[in-house]
Amino acid sequence: MKESEKSLKLFIVLSRAYKVVNEQVNGFIQKSGLNPTEFAVMELLYHKGPQPLQQIGGKILLASGSITYVVDKLEKKQLLKRVACPHDRRITHAAITEAGTELIEHIFPVHEQNIHDLVSVLSEEEVEQATAILRKLGLSIKNLS
């Protein structure tokens, strides 16, 4: 098999693995009453604290135009609130509410265990190897652009 064919095979296997894992994870998230994007925003705010709205998209890999829509939905659900920056009126932060914290504290441990269960077919060493290899691949491509 030529090197280019091996690379194509890796791409296909990687894409298929991502698809099935992502479908499983998203299915769990949707059972919690959130869509995957809402969950990503909530998880970011829970673990990293209040974030400027303008920076959320880059941190969860979402187009900035979609952030306003997602934040509006989460605000209506009273899971987050907008907070004006005291130092710069042009900046608005999203902050998790008490209800949002309670929800994330309820569903995140199950989410984490779900992901662990999905990955548990791999040994601890294989998980570390896969993580290192995929990080190397991602960083090398990022450095090209």
C-alpha atoms as a PDB file:
ATOM      1  CA  MET A   1       0.000   0.000   0.000  1.00  0.00           C
ATOM      2  CA  LYS A   2       1.374   3.437  -0.973  1.00  0.00           C
ATOM      3  CA  GLU A   3       1.988   6.032   1.750  1.00  0.00           C
ATOM      4  CA  SER A   4      -0.784   8.231   0.352  1.00  0.00           C
ATOM      5  CA  GLU A   5      -3.216   5.292   0.516  1.00  0.00           C
ATOM      6  CA  LYS A   6      -2.210   4.664   4.138  1.00  0.00           C
ATOM      7  CA  SER A   7      -2.820   8.330   4.926  1.00  0.00           C
ATOM      8  CA  LEU A   8      -6.241   8.156   3.284  1.00  0.00           C
ATOM      9  CA  LYS A   9      -7.067   4.999   5.253  1.00  0.00           C
ATOM     10  CA  LEU A  10      -6.031   6.745   8.495  1.00  0.00           C
ATOM     11  CA  PHE A  11      -8.274   9.686   7.619  1.00  0.00           C
ATOM     12  CA  ILE A  12     -11.245   7.395   6.982  1.00  0.00           C
ATOM     13  CA  VAL A  13     -10.705   5.397  10.176  1.00  0.00           C
ATOM     14  CA  LEU A  14     -10.245   8.587  12.210  1.00  0.00           C
ATOM     15  CA  SER A  15     -13.385  10.133  10.694  1.00  0.00           C
ATOM     16  CA  ARG A  16     -15.496   7.050  11.362  1.00  0.00           C
ATOM     17  CA  ALA A  17     -14.229   6.721  14.936  1.00  0.00           C
ATOM     18  CA  TYR A  18     -14.966  10.385  15.601  1.00  0.00           C
ATOM     19  CA  LYS A  19     -18.450  10.021  14.110  1.00  0.00           C
ATOM     20  CA  VAL A  20     -19.505   7.064  16.272  1.00  0.00           C
ATOM     21  CA  VAL A  21     -18.007   8.471  19.484  1.00  0.00           C
ATOM     22  CA  ASN A  22     -19.512  11.894  18.810  1.00  0.00           C
ATOM     23  CA  GLU A  23     -22.963  10.411  18.124  1.00  0.00           C
ATOM     24  CA  GLN A  24     -22.874   8.541  21.431  1.00  0.00           C
ATOM     25  CA  VAL A  25     -21.724  11.574  23.401  1.00  0.00           C
ATOM     26  CA  ASN A  26     -24.233  13.902  21.733  1.00  0.00           C
ATOM     27  CA  GLY A  27     -27.047  11.438  22.419  1.00  0.00           C
ATOM     28  CA  PHE A  28     -26.272  11.562  26.135  1.00  0.00           C
ATOM     29  CA  ILE A  29     -25.996  15.352  26.126  1.00  0.00           C
ATOM     30  CA  GLN A  30     -29.376  15.747  24.425  1.00  0.00           C
ATOM     31  CA  LYS A  31     -31.005  13.585  27.115  1.00  0.00           C
ATOM     32  CA  SER A  32     -29.892  16.233  29.619  1.00  0.00           C
ATOM     33  CA  GLY A  33     -32.023  18.870  27.886  1.00  0.00           C
ATOM     34  CA  LEU A  34     -29.138  20.660  26.188  1.00  0.00           C
ATOM     35  CA  ASN A  35     -27.819  20.453  22.673  1.00  0.00           C
ATOM     36  CA  PRO A  36     -24.074  19.783  22.226  1.00  0.00           C
ATOM     37  CA  THR A  37     -23.258  23.462  21.651  1.00  0.00           C
ATOM     38  CA  GLU A  38     -25.169  24.568  24.750  1.00  0.00           C
ATOM     39  CA  PHE A  39     -23.399  21.873  26.748  1.00  0.00           C
ATOM     40  CA  ALA A  40     -20.009  23.036  25.451  1.00  0.00           C
ATOM     41  CA  VAL A  41     -20.733  26.625  26.524  1.00  0.00           C
ATOM     42  CA  MET A  42     -21.963  25.503  29.957  1.00  0.00           C
ATOM     43  CA  GLU A  43     -18.968  23.226  30.454  1.00  0.00           C
ATOM     44  CA  LEU A  44     -16.579  26.054  29.478  1.00  0.00           C
ATOM     45  CA  LEU A  45     -18.183  28.505  31.900  1.00  0.00           C
ATOM     46  CA  TYR A  46     -18.305  25.930  34.687  1.00  0.00           C
ATOM     47  CA  HIS A  47     -14.630  24.983  34.378  1.00  0.00           C
ATOM     48  CA  LYS A  48     -13.116  28.324  33.286  1.00  0.00           C
ATOM     49  CA  GLY A  49     -15.419  30.899  34.872  1.00  0.00           C
ATOM     50  CA  PRO A  50     -17.060  33.892  33.174  1.00  0.00           C
ATOM     51  CA  GLN A  51     -15.921  34.405  29.577  1.00  0.00           C
ATOM     52  CA  PRO A  52     -16.184  37.329  27.160  1.00  0.00           C
ATOM     53  CA  LEU A  53     -18.896  36.496  24.617  1.00  0.00           C
ATOM     54  CA  GLN A  54     -16.462  37.371  21.819  1.00  0.00           C
ATOM     55  CA  GLN A  55     -14.040  34.633  22.918  1.00  0.00           C
ATOM     56  CA  ILE A  56     -16.427  31.741  23.580  1.00  0.00           C
ATOM     57  CA  GLY A  57     -16.697  30.695  19.939  1.00  0.00           C
ATOM     58  CA  GLY A  58     -12.963  30.231  19.565  1.00  0.00           C
ATOM     59  CA  LYS A  59     -12.750  28.194  22.737  1.00  0.00           C
ATOM     60  CA  ILE A  60     -15.494  25.740  21.771  1.00  0.00           C
ATOM     61  CA  LEU A  61     -14.873  25.792  18.000  1.00  0.00           C
ATOM     62  CA  LEU A  62     -18.077  27.583  17.042  1.00  0.00           C
ATOM     63  CA  ALA A  63     -18.695  30.477  14.668  1.00  0.00           C
ATOM     64  CA  SER A  64     -19.050  33.727  16.592  1.00  0.00           C
ATOM     65  CA  GLY A  65     -22.431  34.492  15.002  1.00  0.00           C
ATOM     66  CA  SER A  66     -23.892  31.369  16.574  1.00  0.00           C
ATOM     67  CA  ILE A  67     -22.730  32.288  20.073  1.00  0.00           C
ATOM     68  CA  THR A  68     -25.347  35.010  20.516  1.00  0.00           C
ATOM     69  CA  TYR A  69     -28.110  32.556  19.624  1.00  0.00           C
ATOM     70  CA  VAL A  70     -26.789  29.890  22.020  1.00  0.00           C
ATOM     71  CA  VAL A  71     -26.261  32.396  24.831  1.00  0.00           C
ATOM     72  CA  ASP A  72     -29.803  33.735  24.301  1.00  0.00           C
ATOM     73  CA  LYS A  73     -31.214  30.210  24.622  1.00  0.00           C
ATOM     74  CA  LEU A  74     -29.210  29.455  27.765  1.00  0.00           C
ATOM     75  CA  GLU A  75     -30.179  32.791  29.269  1.00  0.00           C
ATOM     76  CA  LYS A  76     -33.868  32.027  28.663  1.00  0.00           C
ATOM     77  CA  LYS A  77     -33.344  28.702  30.458  1.00  0.00           C
ATOM     78  CA  GLN A  78     -31.740  30.729  33.292  1.00  0.00           C
ATOM     79  CA  LEU A  79     -28.547  28.680  33.056  1.00  0.00           C
ATOM     80  CA  LEU A  80     -26.296  31.648  32.347  1.00  0.00           C
ATOM     81  CA  LYS A  81     -26.418  35.406  32.521  1.00  0.00           C
ATOM     82  CA  ARG A  82     -24.732  38.262  30.719  1.00  0.00           C
ATOM     83  CA  VAL A  83     -22.500  40.440  32.870  1.00  0.00           C
ATOM     84  CA  ALA A  84     -21.140  43.788  31.712  1.00  0.00           C
ATOM     85  CA  CYS A  85     -17.401  44.215  32.063  1.00  0.00           C
ATOM     86  CA  PRO A  86     -16.768  46.941  34.672  1.00  0.00           C
ATOM     87  CA  HIS A  87     -13.575  48.095  32.879  1.00  0.00           C
ATOM     88  CA  ASP A  88     -14.761  48.092  29.265  1.00  0.00           C
ATOM     89  CA  ARG A  89     -18.407  48.667  28.311  1.00  0.00           C
ATOM     90  CA  ARG A  90     -17.808  47.086  24.887  1.00  0.00           C
ATOM     91  CA  ILE A  91     -17.238  43.684  26.503  1.00  0.00           C
ATOM     92  CA  THR A  92     -19.974  41.453  27.892  1.00  0.00           C
ATOM     93  CA  HIS A  93     -19.192  38.254  29.770  1.00  0.00           C
ATOM     94  CA  ALA A  94     -21.280  35.119  30.013  1.00  0.00           C
ATOM     95  CA  ALA A  95     -21.414  33.690  33.537  1.00  0.00           C
ATOM     96  CA  ILE A  96     -23.005  30.486  34.741  1.00  0.00           C
ATOM     97  CA  THR A  97     -25.931  30.870  37.144  1.00  0.00           C
ATOM     98  CA  GLU A  98     -26.634  28.812  40.239  1.00  0.00           C
ATOM     99  CA  ALA A  99     -29.163  26.754  38.258  1.00  0.00           C
ATOM    100  CA  GLY A 100     -26.546  26.244  35.528  1.00  0.00           C
ATOM    101  CA  THR A 101     -23.982  25.127  38.080  1.00  0.00           C
ATOM    102  CA  GLU A 102     -26.438  22.638  39.574  1.00  0.00           C
ATOM    103  CA  LEU A 103     -27.223  21.226  36.129  1.00  0.00           C
ATOM    104  CA  ILE A 104     -23.577  20.842  35.102  1.00  0.00           C
ATOM    105  CA  GLU A 105     -22.635  19.329  38.467  1.00  0.00           C
ATOM    106  CA  HIS A 106     -25.403  16.798  37.935  1.00  0.00           C
ATOM    107  CA  ILE A 107     -24.653  15.817  34.327  1.00  0.00           C
ATOM    108  CA  PHE A 108     -20.887  16.336  33.919  1.00  0.00           C
ATOM    109  CA  PRO A 109     -19.757  13.355  36.045  1.00  0.00           C
ATOM    110  CA  VAL A 110     -22.066  11.078  34.041  1.00  0.00           C
ATOM    111  CA  HIS A 111     -20.787  12.644  30.796  1.00  0.00           C
ATOM    112  CA  GLU A 112     -17.206  12.046  31.895  1.00  0.00           C
ATOM    113  CA  GLN A 113     -17.956   8.428  32.807  1.00  0.00           C
ATOM    114  CA  ASN A 114     -19.777   7.931  29.503  1.00  0.00           C
ATOM    115  CA  ILE A 115     -16.703   9.065  27.581  1.00  0.00           C
ATOM    116  CA  HIS A 116     -14.487   6.861  29.734  1.00  0.00           C
ATOM    117  CA  ASP A 117     -16.730   3.875  29.017  1.00  0.00           C
ATOM    118  CA  LEU A 118     -16.553   4.557  25.269  1.00  0.00           C
ATOM    119  CA  VAL A 119     -12.750   4.785  25.348  1.00  0.00           C
ATOM    120  CA  SER A 120     -12.260   1.880  27.779  1.00  0.00           C
ATOM    121  CA  VAL A 121     -11.699  -0.552  24.906  1.00  0.00           C
ATOM    122  CA  LEU A 122      -8.206   1.001  24.823  1.00  0.00           C
ATOM    123  CA  SER A 123      -5.573   0.347  27.463  1.00  0.00           C
ATOM    124  CA  GLU A 124      -4.256   3.250  29.509  1.00  0.00           C
ATOM    125  CA  GLU A 125      -1.069   3.176  27.431  1.00  0.00           C
ATOM    126  CA  GLU A 126      -3.062   3.217  24.165  1.00  0.00           C
ATOM    127  CA  VAL A 127      -5.074   6.223  25.363  1.00  0.00           C
ATOM    128  CA  GLU A 128      -1.854   8.090  26.139  1.00  0.00           C
ATOM    129  CA  GLN A 129      -0.347   7.115  22.770  1.00  0.00           C
ATOM    130  CA  ALA A 130      -3.471   8.093  20.826  1.00  0.00           C
ATOM    131  CA  THR A 131      -3.637  11.416  22.664  1.00  0.00           C
ATOM    132  CA  ALA A 132       0.006  12.189  21.900  1.00  0.00           C
ATOM    133  CA  ILE A 133      -0.273  11.137  18.241  1.00  0.00           C
ATOM    134  CA  LEU A 134      -3.464  13.105  17.590  1.00  0.00           C
ATOM    135  CA  ARG A 135      -2.078  16.169  19.396  1.00  0.00           C
ATOM    136  CA  LYS A 136       1.064  15.963  17.230  1.00  0.00           C
ATOM    137  CA  LEU A 137      -1.058  15.703  14.082  1.00  0.00           C
ATOM    138  CA  GLY A 138      -3.330  18.598  15.056  1.00  0.00           C
ATOM    139  CA  LEU A 139      -0.480  20.896  16.066  1.00  0.00           C
ATOM    140  CA  SER A 140       1.498  20.158  12.892  1.00  0.00           C
ATOM    141  CA  ILE A 141      -1.483  21.091  10.733  1.00  0.00           C
ATOM    142  CA  LYS A 142      -2.239  24.187  12.813  1.00  0.00           C
ATOM    143  CA  ASN A 143       1.368  25.314  12.354  1.00  0.00           C
ATOM    144  CA  LEU A 144       1.008  25.013   8.559  1.00  0.00           C
ATOM    145  CA  SER A 145      -1.830  27.536   8.396  1.00  0.00           C
END
